[in-house]
Protein backbone atom coordinates (compact mmCIF):
# COMPACT_ATOMS: atom_id res chain seq x y z
CA UNK A 1 0.00 0.00 0.00
CA UNK A 2 1.21 3.50 -0.62
CA UNK A 3 0.34 7.15 -0.24
CA UNK A 4 1.78 9.65 -2.69
CA UNK A 5 1.85 13.28 -3.71
CA UNK A 6 2.86 14.89 -7.00
CA UNK A 7 2.85 18.66 -6.81
CA UNK A 8 4.04 21.31 -9.23
CA UNK A 9 5.56 24.08 -7.12
CA UNK A 10 6.19 27.69 -8.09
CA UNK A 11 9.57 27.40 -6.41
CA UNK A 12 13.13 26.79 -7.52
CA UNK A 13 14.23 23.14 -7.29
CA UNK A 14 17.34 24.10 -5.28
CA UNK A 15 15.17 25.89 -2.72
CA UNK A 16 12.83 22.89 -2.35
CA UNK A 17 15.78 20.47 -2.15
CA UNK A 18 17.40 22.55 0.60
CA UNK A 19 14.07 22.58 2.44
CA UNK A 20 13.88 18.76 2.30
CA UNK A 21 17.40 18.48 3.69
CA UNK A 22 16.51 20.67 6.68
CA UNK A 23 15.42 18.75 9.82
CA UNK A 24 13.83 22.02 10.98
CA UNK A 25 11.66 22.19 7.84
CA UNK A 26 10.70 18.51 8.26
CA UNK A 27 9.38 19.31 11.72
CA UNK A 28 7.42 22.26 10.29
CA UNK A 29 5.90 20.10 7.55
CA UNK A 30 4.28 17.79 10.11
CA UNK A 31 3.38 20.35 12.79
CA UNK A 32 1.05 20.70 14.56
CA UNK A 33 -0.57 17.38 13.56
CA UNK A 34 2.57 15.41 14.35
CA UNK A 35 5.46 16.65 16.48
CA UNK A 36 8.94 15.16 16.09
CA UNK A 37 11.10 15.13 19.23
CA UNK A 38 14.70 14.14 18.27
CA UNK A 39 16.44 11.99 20.88
CA UNK A 40 19.81 13.38 19.73
CA UNK A 41 20.68 16.59 17.95
CA UNK A 42 19.89 16.26 14.24
CA UNK A 43 22.38 17.62 11.69
CA UNK A 44 21.92 21.14 10.32
CA UNK A 45 21.36 19.52 6.88
CA UNK A 46 20.58 15.87 6.17
CA UNK A 47 23.32 13.95 4.31
CA UNK A 48 23.60 10.32 3.26
CA UNK A 49 24.18 8.15 6.32
CA UNK A 50 22.67 10.56 8.84
CA UNK A 51 20.42 8.73 11.29
CA UNK A 52 18.34 10.16 14.12
CA UNK A 53 15.72 8.55 16.32
CA UNK A 54 12.68 10.72 17.04
CA UNK A 55 9.78 10.35 19.44
CA UNK A 56 6.47 11.20 17.76
CA UNK A 57 3.38 12.72 19.29
CA UNK A 58 0.12 13.38 17.50
CA UNK A 59 -2.18 15.97 19.02
CA UNK A 60 -0.23 15.55 22.27
CA UNK A 61 -0.57 11.74 22.33
CA UNK A 62 2.64 9.64 22.16
CA UNK A 63 2.66 7.61 18.94
CA UNK A 64 6.05 5.90 19.25
CA UNK A 65 9.65 6.17 18.15
CA UNK A 66 10.91 6.28 14.57
CA UNK A 67 14.38 5.93 13.09
CA UNK A 68 15.10 8.44 10.31
CA UNK A 69 17.99 7.04 8.21
CA UNK A 70 18.85 9.19 5.20
CA UNK A 71 20.05 8.30 1.70
CA UNK A 72 20.46 11.00 -0.96
CA UNK A 73 20.94 10.32 -4.67
CA UNK A 74 20.39 11.71 -8.16
CA UNK A 75 18.72 10.31 -11.23
CA UNK A 76 19.40 12.73 -14.08
CA UNK A 77 18.24 16.16 -12.92
CA UNK A 78 16.03 14.64 -10.21
CA UNK A 79 17.31 14.67 -6.63
CA UNK A 80 15.95 11.96 -4.35
CA UNK A 81 15.77 11.93 -0.55
CA UNK A 82 15.04 8.47 0.83
CA UNK A 83 14.38 7.63 4.47
CA UNK A 84 15.30 3.96 4.90
CA UNK A 85 14.56 4.09 8.62
CA UNK A 86 11.62 2.44 10.30
CA UNK A 87 9.16 2.68 13.16
CA UNK A 88 10.72 1.37 16.38
CA UNK A 89 7.93 1.43 18.97
CA UNK A 90 4.36 2.43 19.67
CA UNK A 91 1.44 2.13 17.28
CA UNK A 92 3.68 2.41 14.22
CA UNK A 93 5.78 -0.59 15.34
CA UNK A 94 3.13 -2.82 13.75
CA UNK A 95 4.48 -1.67 10.38
CA UNK A 96 6.35 -4.53 8.68
CA UNK A 97 7.75 -2.57 5.73
CA UNK A 98 8.47 1.14 5.26
CA UNK A 99 10.01 3.00 2.31
CA UNK A 100 9.72 6.79 2.09
CA UNK A 101 11.05 8.70 -0.94
CA UNK A 102 10.85 12.38 -1.83
CA UNK A 103 12.05 13.71 -5.18
CA UNK A 104 12.54 17.16 -6.69
CA UNK A 105 12.77 17.68 -10.46
CA UNK A 106 13.45 21.14 -11.92
CA UNK A 107 11.08 22.38 -14.64
CA UNK A 108 12.80 25.67 -15.38
CA UNK A 109 11.38 29.17 -14.94
CA UNK A 110 11.71 28.80 -11.15
CA UNK A 111 9.30 25.84 -10.95
CA UNK A 112 9.73 22.20 -9.98
CA UNK A 113 7.87 18.95 -9.47
CA UNK A 114 7.85 17.56 -5.92
CA UNK A 115 6.99 13.89 -5.45
CA UNK A 116 6.53 12.21 -2.08
CA UNK A 117 5.73 8.50 -1.76
CA UNK A 118 5.50 6.20 1.23
CA UNK A 119 5.19 2.46 0.61
CA UNK A 120 4.05 0.77 3.81
CA UNK A 121 2.64 -2.51 5.04
CA UNK A 122 1.22 -3.53 8.41
CA UNK A 123 -0.40 -6.85 7.54
CA UNK A 124 -4.16 -6.88 8.14
CA UNK A 125 -3.95 -3.42 9.74
CA UNK A 126 -2.73 -1.84 6.49
CA UNK A 127 -6.15 -0.45 5.37
CA UNK A 128 -6.63 1.29 8.73
CA UNK A 129 -3.08 2.63 8.63
CA UNK A 130 -3.64 3.90 5.08
CA UNK A 131 -6.56 6.12 6.21
CA UNK A 132 -4.39 7.87 8.79
CA UNK A 133 -1.39 8.16 6.49
CA UNK A 134 -3.50 9.51 3.61
CA UNK A 135 -4.76 12.25 5.94
CA UNK A 136 -1.23 13.09 7.10
CA UNK A 137 -0.02 13.15 3.46
CA UNK A 138 -2.70 15.68 2.51
CA UNK A 139 -1.49 17.85 5.40
CA UNK A 140 2.13 17.38 4.25
CA UNK A 141 1.22 18.48 0.74
CA UNK A 142 -0.45 21.67 1.95
CA UNK A 143 2.46 22.49 4.28
CA UNK A 144 5.07 21.81 1.59
CA UNK A 145 3.25 24.11 -0.84
CA UNK A 146 3.20 26.85 1.79
CA UNK A 147 6.81 26.41 2.95
CA UNK A 148 8.22 26.07 -0.58
CA UNK A 149 6.67 29.31 -1.76
CA UNK A 150 7.26 31.32 1.44
CA UNK A 151 9.88 34.06 1.17
CA UNK A 152 13.23 33.08 2.64
CA UNK A 153 14.74 35.36 5.29
C-alpha atoms as a PDB file:
ATOM      1  CA  UNK A   1       0.000   0.000   0.000  1.00  0.00           C
ATOM      2  CA  UNK A   2       1.214   3.500  -0.624  1.00  0.00           C
ATOM      3  CA  UNK A   3       0.335   7.152  -0.239  1.00  0.00           C
ATOM      4  CA  UNK A   4       1.775   9.647  -2.689  1.00  0.00           C
ATOM      5  CA  UNK A   5       1.850  13.283  -3.708  1.00  0.00           C
ATOM      6  CA  UNK A   6       2.864  14.886  -6.995  1.00  0.00           C
ATOM      7  CA  UNK A   7       2.850  18.663  -6.805  1.00  0.00           C
ATOM      8  CA  UNK A   8       4.040  21.312  -9.232  1.00  0.00           C
ATOM      9  CA  UNK A   9       5.561  24.077  -7.125  1.00  0.00           C
ATOM     10  CA  UNK A  10       6.185  27.686  -8.087  1.00  0.00           C
ATOM     11  CA  UNK A  11       9.566  27.397  -6.408  1.00  0.00           C
ATOM     12  CA  UNK A  12      13.126  26.788  -7.520  1.00  0.00           C
ATOM     13  CA  UNK A  13      14.232  23.138  -7.287  1.00  0.00           C
ATOM     14  CA  UNK A  14      17.344  24.103  -5.279  1.00  0.00           C
ATOM     15  CA  UNK A  15      15.166  25.892  -2.719  1.00  0.00           C
ATOM     16  CA  UNK A  16      12.832  22.892  -2.345  1.00  0.00           C
ATOM     17  CA  UNK A  17      15.777  20.467  -2.147  1.00  0.00           C
ATOM     18  CA  UNK A  18      17.401  22.551   0.601  1.00  0.00           C
ATOM     19  CA  UNK A  19      14.072  22.582   2.440  1.00  0.00           C
ATOM     20  CA  UNK A  20      13.875  18.761   2.303  1.00  0.00           C
ATOM     21  CA  UNK A  21      17.397  18.475   3.690  1.00  0.00           C
ATOM     22  CA  UNK A  22      16.506  20.666   6.683  1.00  0.00           C
ATOM     23  CA  UNK A  23      15.423  18.753   9.825  1.00  0.00           C
ATOM     24  CA  UNK A  24      13.825  22.020  10.985  1.00  0.00           C
ATOM     25  CA  UNK A  25      11.658  22.192   7.845  1.00  0.00           C
ATOM     26  CA  UNK A  26      10.701  18.509   8.257  1.00  0.00           C
ATOM     27  CA  UNK A  27       9.381  19.312  11.721  1.00  0.00           C
ATOM     28  CA  UNK A  28       7.418  22.258  10.286  1.00  0.00           C
ATOM     29  CA  UNK A  29       5.899  20.098   7.553  1.00  0.00           C
ATOM     30  CA  UNK A  30       4.275  17.786  10.106  1.00  0.00           C
ATOM     31  CA  UNK A  31       3.384  20.346  12.787  1.00  0.00           C
ATOM     32  CA  UNK A  32       1.048  20.704  14.560  1.00  0.00           C
ATOM     33  CA  UNK A  33      -0.570  17.380  13.558  1.00  0.00           C
ATOM     34  CA  UNK A  34       2.572  15.406  14.351  1.00  0.00           C
ATOM     35  CA  UNK A  35       5.457  16.653  16.482  1.00  0.00           C
ATOM     36  CA  UNK A  36       8.937  15.162  16.092  1.00  0.00           C
ATOM     37  CA  UNK A  37      11.102  15.128  19.231  1.00  0.00           C
ATOM     38  CA  UNK A  38      14.699  14.139  18.271  1.00  0.00           C
ATOM     39  CA  UNK A  39      16.443  11.987  20.885  1.00  0.00           C
ATOM     40  CA  UNK A  40      19.806  13.376  19.732  1.00  0.00           C
ATOM     41  CA  UNK A  41      20.678  16.591  17.946  1.00  0.00           C
ATOM     42  CA  UNK A  42      19.892  16.262  14.238  1.00  0.00           C
ATOM     43  CA  UNK A  43      22.384  17.623  11.694  1.00  0.00           C
ATOM     44  CA  UNK A  44      21.917  21.136  10.319  1.00  0.00           C
ATOM     45  CA  UNK A  45      21.356  19.524   6.877  1.00  0.00           C
ATOM     46  CA  UNK A  46      20.581  15.868   6.166  1.00  0.00           C
ATOM     47  CA  UNK A  47      23.321  13.946   4.311  1.00  0.00           C
ATOM     48  CA  UNK A  48      23.597  10.317   3.263  1.00  0.00           C
ATOM     49  CA  UNK A  49      24.182   8.155   6.322  1.00  0.00           C
ATOM     50  CA  UNK A  50      22.667  10.565   8.845  1.00  0.00           C
ATOM     51  CA  UNK A  51      20.423   8.728  11.285  1.00  0.00           C
ATOM     52  CA  UNK A  52      18.340  10.163  14.118  1.00  0.00           C
ATOM     53  CA  UNK A  53      15.715   8.552  16.324  1.00  0.00           C
ATOM     54  CA  UNK A  54      12.675  10.724  17.039  1.00  0.00           C
ATOM     55  CA  UNK A  55       9.775  10.353  19.439  1.00  0.00           C
ATOM     56  CA  UNK A  56       6.475  11.199  17.757  1.00  0.00           C
ATOM     57  CA  UNK A  57       3.383  12.721  19.294  1.00  0.00           C
ATOM     58  CA  UNK A  58       0.122  13.377  17.505  1.00  0.00           C
ATOM     59  CA  UNK A  59      -2.178  15.973  19.020  1.00  0.00           C
ATOM     60  CA  UNK A  60      -0.226  15.548  22.265  1.00  0.00           C
ATOM     61  CA  UNK A  61      -0.571  11.742  22.334  1.00  0.00           C
ATOM     62  CA  UNK A  62       2.635   9.638  22.162  1.00  0.00           C
ATOM     63  CA  UNK A  63       2.664   7.613  18.941  1.00  0.00           C
ATOM     64  CA  UNK A  64       6.054   5.897  19.248  1.00  0.00           C
ATOM     65  CA  UNK A  65       9.654   6.174  18.151  1.00  0.00           C
ATOM     66  CA  UNK A  66      10.909   6.279  14.573  1.00  0.00           C
ATOM     67  CA  UNK A  67      14.380   5.930  13.088  1.00  0.00           C
ATOM     68  CA  UNK A  68      15.101   8.436  10.309  1.00  0.00           C
ATOM     69  CA  UNK A  69      17.988   7.043   8.213  1.00  0.00           C
ATOM     70  CA  UNK A  70      18.849   9.190   5.197  1.00  0.00           C
ATOM     71  CA  UNK A  71      20.054   8.297   1.695  1.00  0.00           C
ATOM     72  CA  UNK A  72      20.459  11.003  -0.964  1.00  0.00           C
ATOM     73  CA  UNK A  73      20.937  10.325  -4.666  1.00  0.00           C
ATOM     74  CA  UNK A  74      20.386  11.708  -8.160  1.00  0.00           C
ATOM     75  CA  UNK A  75      18.716  10.310 -11.234  1.00  0.00           C
ATOM     76  CA  UNK A  76      19.404  12.728 -14.081  1.00  0.00           C
ATOM     77  CA  UNK A  77      18.244  16.160 -12.917  1.00  0.00           C
ATOM     78  CA  UNK A  78      16.026  14.641 -10.209  1.00  0.00           C
ATOM     79  CA  UNK A  79      17.310  14.669  -6.629  1.00  0.00           C
ATOM     80  CA  UNK A  80      15.949  11.957  -4.348  1.00  0.00           C
ATOM     81  CA  UNK A  81      15.771  11.926  -0.549  1.00  0.00           C
ATOM     82  CA  UNK A  82      15.038   8.469   0.831  1.00  0.00           C
ATOM     83  CA  UNK A  83      14.377   7.630   4.469  1.00  0.00           C
ATOM     84  CA  UNK A  84      15.302   3.960   4.900  1.00  0.00           C
ATOM     85  CA  UNK A  85      14.565   4.087   8.625  1.00  0.00           C
ATOM     86  CA  UNK A  86      11.616   2.440  10.295  1.00  0.00           C
ATOM     87  CA  UNK A  87       9.159   2.681  13.161  1.00  0.00           C
ATOM     88  CA  UNK A  88      10.715   1.374  16.383  1.00  0.00           C
ATOM     89  CA  UNK A  89       7.930   1.431  18.973  1.00  0.00           C
ATOM     90  CA  UNK A  90       4.357   2.431  19.673  1.00  0.00           C
ATOM     91  CA  UNK A  91       1.437   2.134  17.281  1.00  0.00           C
ATOM     92  CA  UNK A  92       3.682   2.407  14.217  1.00  0.00           C
ATOM     93  CA  UNK A  93       5.784  -0.586  15.343  1.00  0.00           C
ATOM     94  CA  UNK A  94       3.127  -2.819  13.746  1.00  0.00           C
ATOM     95  CA  UNK A  95       4.480  -1.666  10.377  1.00  0.00           C
ATOM     96  CA  UNK A  96       6.349  -4.530   8.684  1.00  0.00           C
ATOM     97  CA  UNK A  97       7.751  -2.567   5.730  1.00  0.00           C
ATOM     98  CA  UNK A  98       8.466   1.142   5.255  1.00  0.00           C
ATOM     99  CA  UNK A  99      10.010   3.002   2.307  1.00  0.00           C
ATOM    100  CA  UNK A 100       9.721   6.785   2.086  1.00  0.00           C
ATOM    101  CA  UNK A 101      11.045   8.702  -0.937  1.00  0.00           C
ATOM    102  CA  UNK A 102      10.847  12.376  -1.830  1.00  0.00           C
ATOM    103  CA  UNK A 103      12.050  13.710  -5.179  1.00  0.00           C
ATOM    104  CA  UNK A 104      12.544  17.155  -6.693  1.00  0.00           C
ATOM    105  CA  UNK A 105      12.767  17.683 -10.460  1.00  0.00           C
ATOM    106  CA  UNK A 106      13.451  21.144 -11.924  1.00  0.00           C
ATOM    107  CA  UNK A 107      11.083  22.376 -14.636  1.00  0.00           C
ATOM    108  CA  UNK A 108      12.803  25.670 -15.381  1.00  0.00           C
ATOM    109  CA  UNK A 109      11.377  29.167 -14.940  1.00  0.00           C
ATOM    110  CA  UNK A 110      11.707  28.798 -11.149  1.00  0.00           C
ATOM    111  CA  UNK A 111       9.298  25.841 -10.947  1.00  0.00           C
ATOM    112  CA  UNK A 112       9.731  22.204  -9.984  1.00  0.00           C
ATOM    113  CA  UNK A 113       7.867  18.949  -9.466  1.00  0.00           C
ATOM    114  CA  UNK A 114       7.846  17.562  -5.924  1.00  0.00           C
ATOM    115  CA  UNK A 115       6.988  13.886  -5.451  1.00  0.00           C
ATOM    116  CA  UNK A 116       6.528  12.209  -2.084  1.00  0.00           C
ATOM    117  CA  UNK A 117       5.734   8.505  -1.762  1.00  0.00           C
ATOM    118  CA  UNK A 118       5.502   6.204   1.233  1.00  0.00           C
ATOM    119  CA  UNK A 119       5.190   2.456   0.611  1.00  0.00           C
ATOM    120  CA  UNK A 120       4.055   0.772   3.807  1.00  0.00           C
ATOM    121  CA  UNK A 121       2.637  -2.514   5.043  1.00  0.00           C
ATOM    122  CA  UNK A 122       1.224  -3.533   8.410  1.00  0.00           C
ATOM    123  CA  UNK A 123      -0.397  -6.854   7.538  1.00  0.00           C
ATOM    124  CA  UNK A 124      -4.159  -6.884   8.141  1.00  0.00           C
ATOM    125  CA  UNK A 125      -3.947  -3.420   9.741  1.00  0.00           C
ATOM    126  CA  UNK A 126      -2.733  -1.839   6.486  1.00  0.00           C
ATOM    127  CA  UNK A 127      -6.148  -0.449   5.371  1.00  0.00           C
ATOM    128  CA  UNK A 128      -6.629   1.288   8.731  1.00  0.00           C
ATOM    129  CA  UNK A 129      -3.084   2.632   8.632  1.00  0.00           C
ATOM    130  CA  UNK A 130      -3.644   3.905   5.080  1.00  0.00           C
ATOM    131  CA  UNK A 131      -6.558   6.118   6.208  1.00  0.00           C
ATOM    132  CA  UNK A 132      -4.393   7.868   8.791  1.00  0.00           C
ATOM    133  CA  UNK A 133      -1.391   8.159   6.488  1.00  0.00           C
ATOM    134  CA  UNK A 134      -3.498   9.514   3.615  1.00  0.00           C
ATOM    135  CA  UNK A 135      -4.764  12.245   5.943  1.00  0.00           C
ATOM    136  CA  UNK A 136      -1.226  13.091   7.099  1.00  0.00           C
ATOM    137  CA  UNK A 137      -0.021  13.150   3.457  1.00  0.00           C
ATOM    138  CA  UNK A 138      -2.696  15.683   2.507  1.00  0.00           C
ATOM    139  CA  UNK A 139      -1.489  17.847   5.396  1.00  0.00           C
ATOM    140  CA  UNK A 140       2.133  17.385   4.254  1.00  0.00           C
ATOM    141  CA  UNK A 141       1.216  18.481   0.735  1.00  0.00           C
ATOM    142  CA  UNK A 142      -0.453  21.671   1.954  1.00  0.00           C
ATOM    143  CA  UNK A 143       2.458  22.488   4.279  1.00  0.00           C
ATOM    144  CA  UNK A 144       5.071  21.807   1.594  1.00  0.00           C
ATOM    145  CA  UNK A 145       3.250  24.107  -0.836  1.00  0.00           C
ATOM    146  CA  UNK A 146       3.199  26.854   1.793  1.00  0.00           C
ATOM    147  CA  UNK A 147       6.806  26.414   2.945  1.00  0.00           C
ATOM    148  CA  UNK A 148       8.217  26.065  -0.585  1.00  0.00           C
ATOM    149  CA  UNK A 149       6.669  29.308  -1.757  1.00  0.00           C
ATOM    150  CA  UNK A 150       7.265  31.316   1.442  1.00  0.00           C
ATOM    151  CA  UNK A 151       9.876  34.064   1.169  1.00  0.00           C
ATOM    152  CA  UNK A 152      13.235  33.078   2.638  1.00  0.00           C
ATOM    153  CA  UNK A 153      14.737  35.364   5.291  1.00  0.00           C
END
